[in-house]
Amino acid sequence: MLSITEYCLQNAEFNEEILVAFGLINKFVKNSYDDDLLLRFEFWLENYATNWSIVDDLCIKTIFQFFLARPHLITKTQHWAYSEVSWCRRASNVVWVKFIKRKVGKSTYYLDTALVFKNCDLLLSDEDEFVQKSVGWLLKVTSLQHEDRVIEYIHNNIEKMTRPTLRYAIEKMDASTRQRLLSI
C-alpha cells in the first residue's frame, strides 16, 4: 500500500489525487509500519505538499492515526519548524493540534506547553501567511486547556503577531477576553 501511495504522490496532477494517496494508507498507519514512517511523512511534506489543505489532511488524518499508536514520536516533529519548505513548517504546528490533550489508549497524553510556545516563538515571525495561521490555530487549541498561559503568551508577543494569527488564537475565548486582547 505504501508503494501505491508513493506512486500516486509522484504522479499526481491534482490536489484530490494527493488526498486519495494519503487516504490509501490511513487505516494502515497505526499498526502496519514502523516508526521510520515519520521520515517519509516529512519527505512528503517537503516534496508533495503544495497547499494548506494537503498539509492539514496529512497531519489531521494520517499522521494523527500514526501518532495514536506512537505517542512517543509526537515531539519528534519539532525540527520541522526549521524546514526550508513552508508547508513543512506549517505542519510542525498542525500535527500537534489534536495532541494538546488526547486520550491515547487507557491514558491521556498531554503535550508540553513549553514545546508549544517554543514552536510558536520559532514561527511567529515566519513570512508565510499559512504558517502564521497555523501558529494561531495551535494557540487556539492550546487555550482550550491552558487559557491563562496562552493569554500571557499573547500579551508577551502581541507586537510580533499578525492580526490573522491573533484572531485565530483567540477564536474560542469568551467575547470580553477577545475584545480586551484585540484592543491591545
Protein backbone atom coordinates (compact mmCIF):
# COMPACT_ATOMS: atom_id res chain seq x y z
CA MET A 1 0.00 0.00 0.00
CA LEU A 2 2.89 2.34 0.76
CA SER A 3 4.30 1.73 -2.71
CA ILE A 4 0.95 2.56 -4.29
CA THR A 5 0.74 5.71 -2.17
CA GLU A 6 4.23 6.75 -3.26
CA TYR A 7 3.36 6.10 -6.90
CA CYS A 8 0.21 8.22 -6.62
CA LEU A 9 2.10 11.07 -4.95
CA GLN A 10 4.87 11.03 -7.56
CA ASN A 11 2.38 11.12 -10.44
CA ALA A 12 -0.37 13.30 -9.01
CA GLU A 13 -1.53 16.21 -11.12
CA PHE A 14 -4.42 17.31 -8.95
CA ASN A 15 -4.86 18.03 -5.26
CA GLU A 16 -7.52 15.30 -4.99
CA GLU A 17 -5.07 12.66 -6.17
CA ILE A 18 -2.72 13.53 -3.33
CA LEU A 19 -5.56 13.36 -0.80
CA VAL A 20 -6.59 9.95 -2.15
CA ALA A 21 -2.97 8.77 -1.85
CA PHE A 22 -2.93 9.73 1.84
CA GLY A 23 -6.32 8.09 2.30
CA LEU A 24 -4.96 4.79 0.97
CA ILE A 25 -2.73 4.30 3.99
CA ASN A 26 -4.87 5.93 6.72
CA LYS A 27 -6.19 2.67 8.12
CA PHE A 28 -2.76 1.01 7.97
CA VAL A 29 -0.52 3.60 9.64
CA LYS A 30 -1.47 2.60 13.18
CA ASN A 31 -0.20 -0.97 13.01
CA SER A 32 1.42 -1.77 9.68
CA TYR A 33 4.50 0.44 9.62
CA ASP A 34 7.43 1.15 11.90
CA ASP A 35 8.49 4.46 13.44
CA ASP A 36 10.51 5.36 10.33
CA LEU A 37 7.30 6.23 8.51
CA LEU A 38 7.62 9.61 10.23
CA LEU A 39 10.63 10.32 8.00
CA ARG A 40 8.51 9.52 4.96
CA PHE A 41 5.81 11.96 6.14
CA GLU A 42 8.43 14.70 6.37
CA PHE A 43 9.61 13.88 2.85
CA TRP A 44 6.03 14.07 1.56
CA LEU A 45 5.51 17.46 3.21
CA GLU A 46 8.68 18.82 1.69
CA ASN A 47 8.17 17.34 -1.78
CA TYR A 48 4.46 16.85 -2.46
CA ALA A 49 2.59 19.41 -0.36
CA THR A 50 1.57 22.40 -2.44
CA ASN A 51 -1.17 23.95 -0.31
CA TRP A 52 -2.59 24.11 3.20
CA SER A 53 -5.29 21.50 2.58
CA ILE A 54 -2.74 18.83 1.72
CA VAL A 55 -0.74 19.64 4.85
CA ASP A 56 -3.80 19.66 7.09
CA ASP A 57 -5.21 16.45 5.63
CA LEU A 58 -1.94 14.58 6.09
CA CYS A 59 -1.49 15.89 9.65
CA ILE A 60 -5.06 15.67 10.95
CA LYS A 61 -5.91 12.30 9.44
CA THR A 62 -2.89 10.18 8.52
CA ILE A 63 -0.21 11.37 10.94
CA PHE A 64 -2.82 11.64 13.70
CA GLN A 65 -3.60 7.92 13.32
CA PHE A 66 0.12 7.12 13.23
CA PHE A 67 0.74 9.04 16.49
CA LEU A 68 -2.17 7.40 18.30
CA ALA A 69 -0.12 4.20 18.22
CA ARG A 70 3.19 6.01 18.85
CA PRO A 71 2.72 8.98 21.18
CA HIS A 72 6.45 8.86 21.99
CA LEU A 73 7.09 10.25 18.49
CA ILE A 74 4.83 13.30 18.70
CA THR A 75 7.57 15.69 19.74
CA LYS A 76 9.94 14.30 17.09
CA THR A 77 8.36 16.71 14.61
CA GLN A 78 9.83 19.80 16.31
CA HIS A 79 12.61 20.11 13.75
CA TRP A 80 10.01 20.56 11.01
CA ALA A 81 9.76 24.18 12.20
CA TYR A 82 13.26 24.72 10.76
CA SER A 83 12.45 23.35 7.30
CA GLU A 84 13.13 25.48 4.24
CA VAL A 85 9.70 24.40 2.97
CA SER A 86 6.88 26.50 4.40
CA TRP A 87 4.40 23.60 4.20
CA CYS A 88 6.61 21.54 6.49
CA ARG A 89 6.88 24.49 8.89
CA ARG A 90 3.08 24.74 8.91
CA ALA A 91 2.87 21.02 9.61
CA SER A 92 5.11 21.41 12.67
CA ASN A 93 2.14 23.19 14.32
CA VAL A 94 -0.79 21.43 12.69
CA VAL A 95 0.50 17.97 13.60
CA TRP A 96 0.16 18.91 17.29
CA VAL A 97 -3.32 20.45 17.34
CA LYS A 98 -5.03 17.18 18.27
CA PHE A 99 -2.48 16.31 20.94
CA ILE A 100 -2.68 19.19 23.42
CA LYS A 101 -4.75 16.79 25.49
CA ARG A 102 -5.68 13.46 23.90
CA LYS A 103 -6.90 10.13 25.15
CA VAL A 104 -4.42 7.54 23.88
CA GLY A 105 -5.31 4.02 24.85
CA LYS A 106 -6.12 3.94 28.54
CA SER A 107 -4.16 7.06 29.42
CA THR A 108 -4.24 10.73 28.47
CA TYR A 109 -1.39 12.34 26.55
CA TYR A 110 -0.57 15.97 27.37
CA LEU A 111 1.67 17.92 25.03
CA ASP A 112 4.13 20.04 26.98
CA THR A 113 3.04 23.68 26.67
CA ALA A 114 6.69 24.77 26.76
CA LEU A 115 7.13 22.94 23.44
CA VAL A 116 4.02 24.61 22.03
CA PHE A 117 5.26 28.08 22.95
CA LYS A 118 8.77 27.29 21.70
CA ASN A 119 7.35 26.27 18.32
CA CYS A 120 5.21 29.40 18.23
CA ASP A 121 8.28 31.53 19.08
CA LEU A 122 10.19 29.97 16.20
CA LEU A 123 7.42 30.61 13.68
CA LEU A 124 5.84 33.82 14.94
CA SER A 125 7.94 35.88 12.53
CA ASP A 126 7.57 33.50 9.59
CA GLU A 127 6.72 35.35 6.40
CA ASP A 128 4.31 32.71 5.12
CA GLU A 129 0.69 33.55 5.95
CA PHE A 130 -0.27 29.86 6.23
CA VAL A 131 2.49 29.24 8.75
CA GLN A 132 1.21 32.27 10.68
CA LYS A 133 -2.32 30.87 10.66
CA SER A 134 -1.00 27.54 11.96
CA VAL A 135 0.57 29.39 14.90
CA GLY A 136 -2.82 30.90 15.67
CA TRP A 137 -4.51 27.52 15.33
CA LEU A 138 -2.04 25.86 17.71
CA LEU A 139 -2.51 28.66 20.24
CA LYS A 140 -6.29 28.38 19.90
CA VAL A 141 -6.41 24.68 20.72
CA THR A 142 -3.87 25.16 23.49
CA SER A 143 -6.09 27.85 25.02
CA LEU A 144 -8.86 25.28 25.48
CA GLN A 145 -6.71 23.60 28.15
CA HIS A 146 -4.38 26.44 29.18
CA GLU A 147 -6.19 29.70 28.52
CA ASP A 148 -4.28 31.76 31.10
CA ARG A 149 -0.92 30.66 29.69
CA VAL A 150 -2.00 31.44 26.12
CA ILE A 151 -3.28 34.88 27.17
CA GLU A 152 0.06 35.54 28.88
CA TYR A 153 1.87 34.38 25.72
CA ILE A 154 -0.25 36.71 23.59
CA HIS A 155 0.44 39.65 25.93
CA ASN A 156 4.18 38.98 25.72
CA ASN A 157 4.20 38.60 21.93
CA ILE A 158 1.35 40.78 20.66
CA GLU A 159 3.70 43.14 18.80
CA LYS A 160 5.12 40.23 16.77
CA MET A 161 1.71 38.74 15.90
CA THR A 162 -0.10 39.34 12.67
CA ARG A 163 -3.78 40.19 13.01
CA PRO A 164 -4.93 36.85 11.49
CA THR A 165 -2.65 34.93 13.88
CA LEU A 166 -4.16 36.79 16.83
CA ARG A 167 -7.72 36.27 15.58
CA TYR A 168 -7.18 32.52 15.17
CA ALA A 169 -5.55 32.29 18.62
CA ILE A 170 -8.44 33.96 20.47
CA GLU A 171 -11.31 32.49 18.48
CA LYS A 172 -12.51 30.14 21.26
CA MET A 173 -12.11 32.61 24.11
CA ASP A 174 -15.08 34.45 25.59
CA ALA A 175 -16.17 37.72 23.98
CA SER A 176 -14.81 40.03 26.66
CA THR A 177 -11.36 38.37 26.59
CA ARG A 178 -11.29 38.56 22.80
CA GLN A 179 -12.24 42.25 22.89
CA ARG A 180 -9.58 43.00 25.51
CA LEU A 181 -6.84 41.23 23.53
CA LEU A 182 -7.86 42.82 20.23
CA SER A 183 -7.69 46.28 21.79
CA ILE A 184 -4.06 45.93 22.90
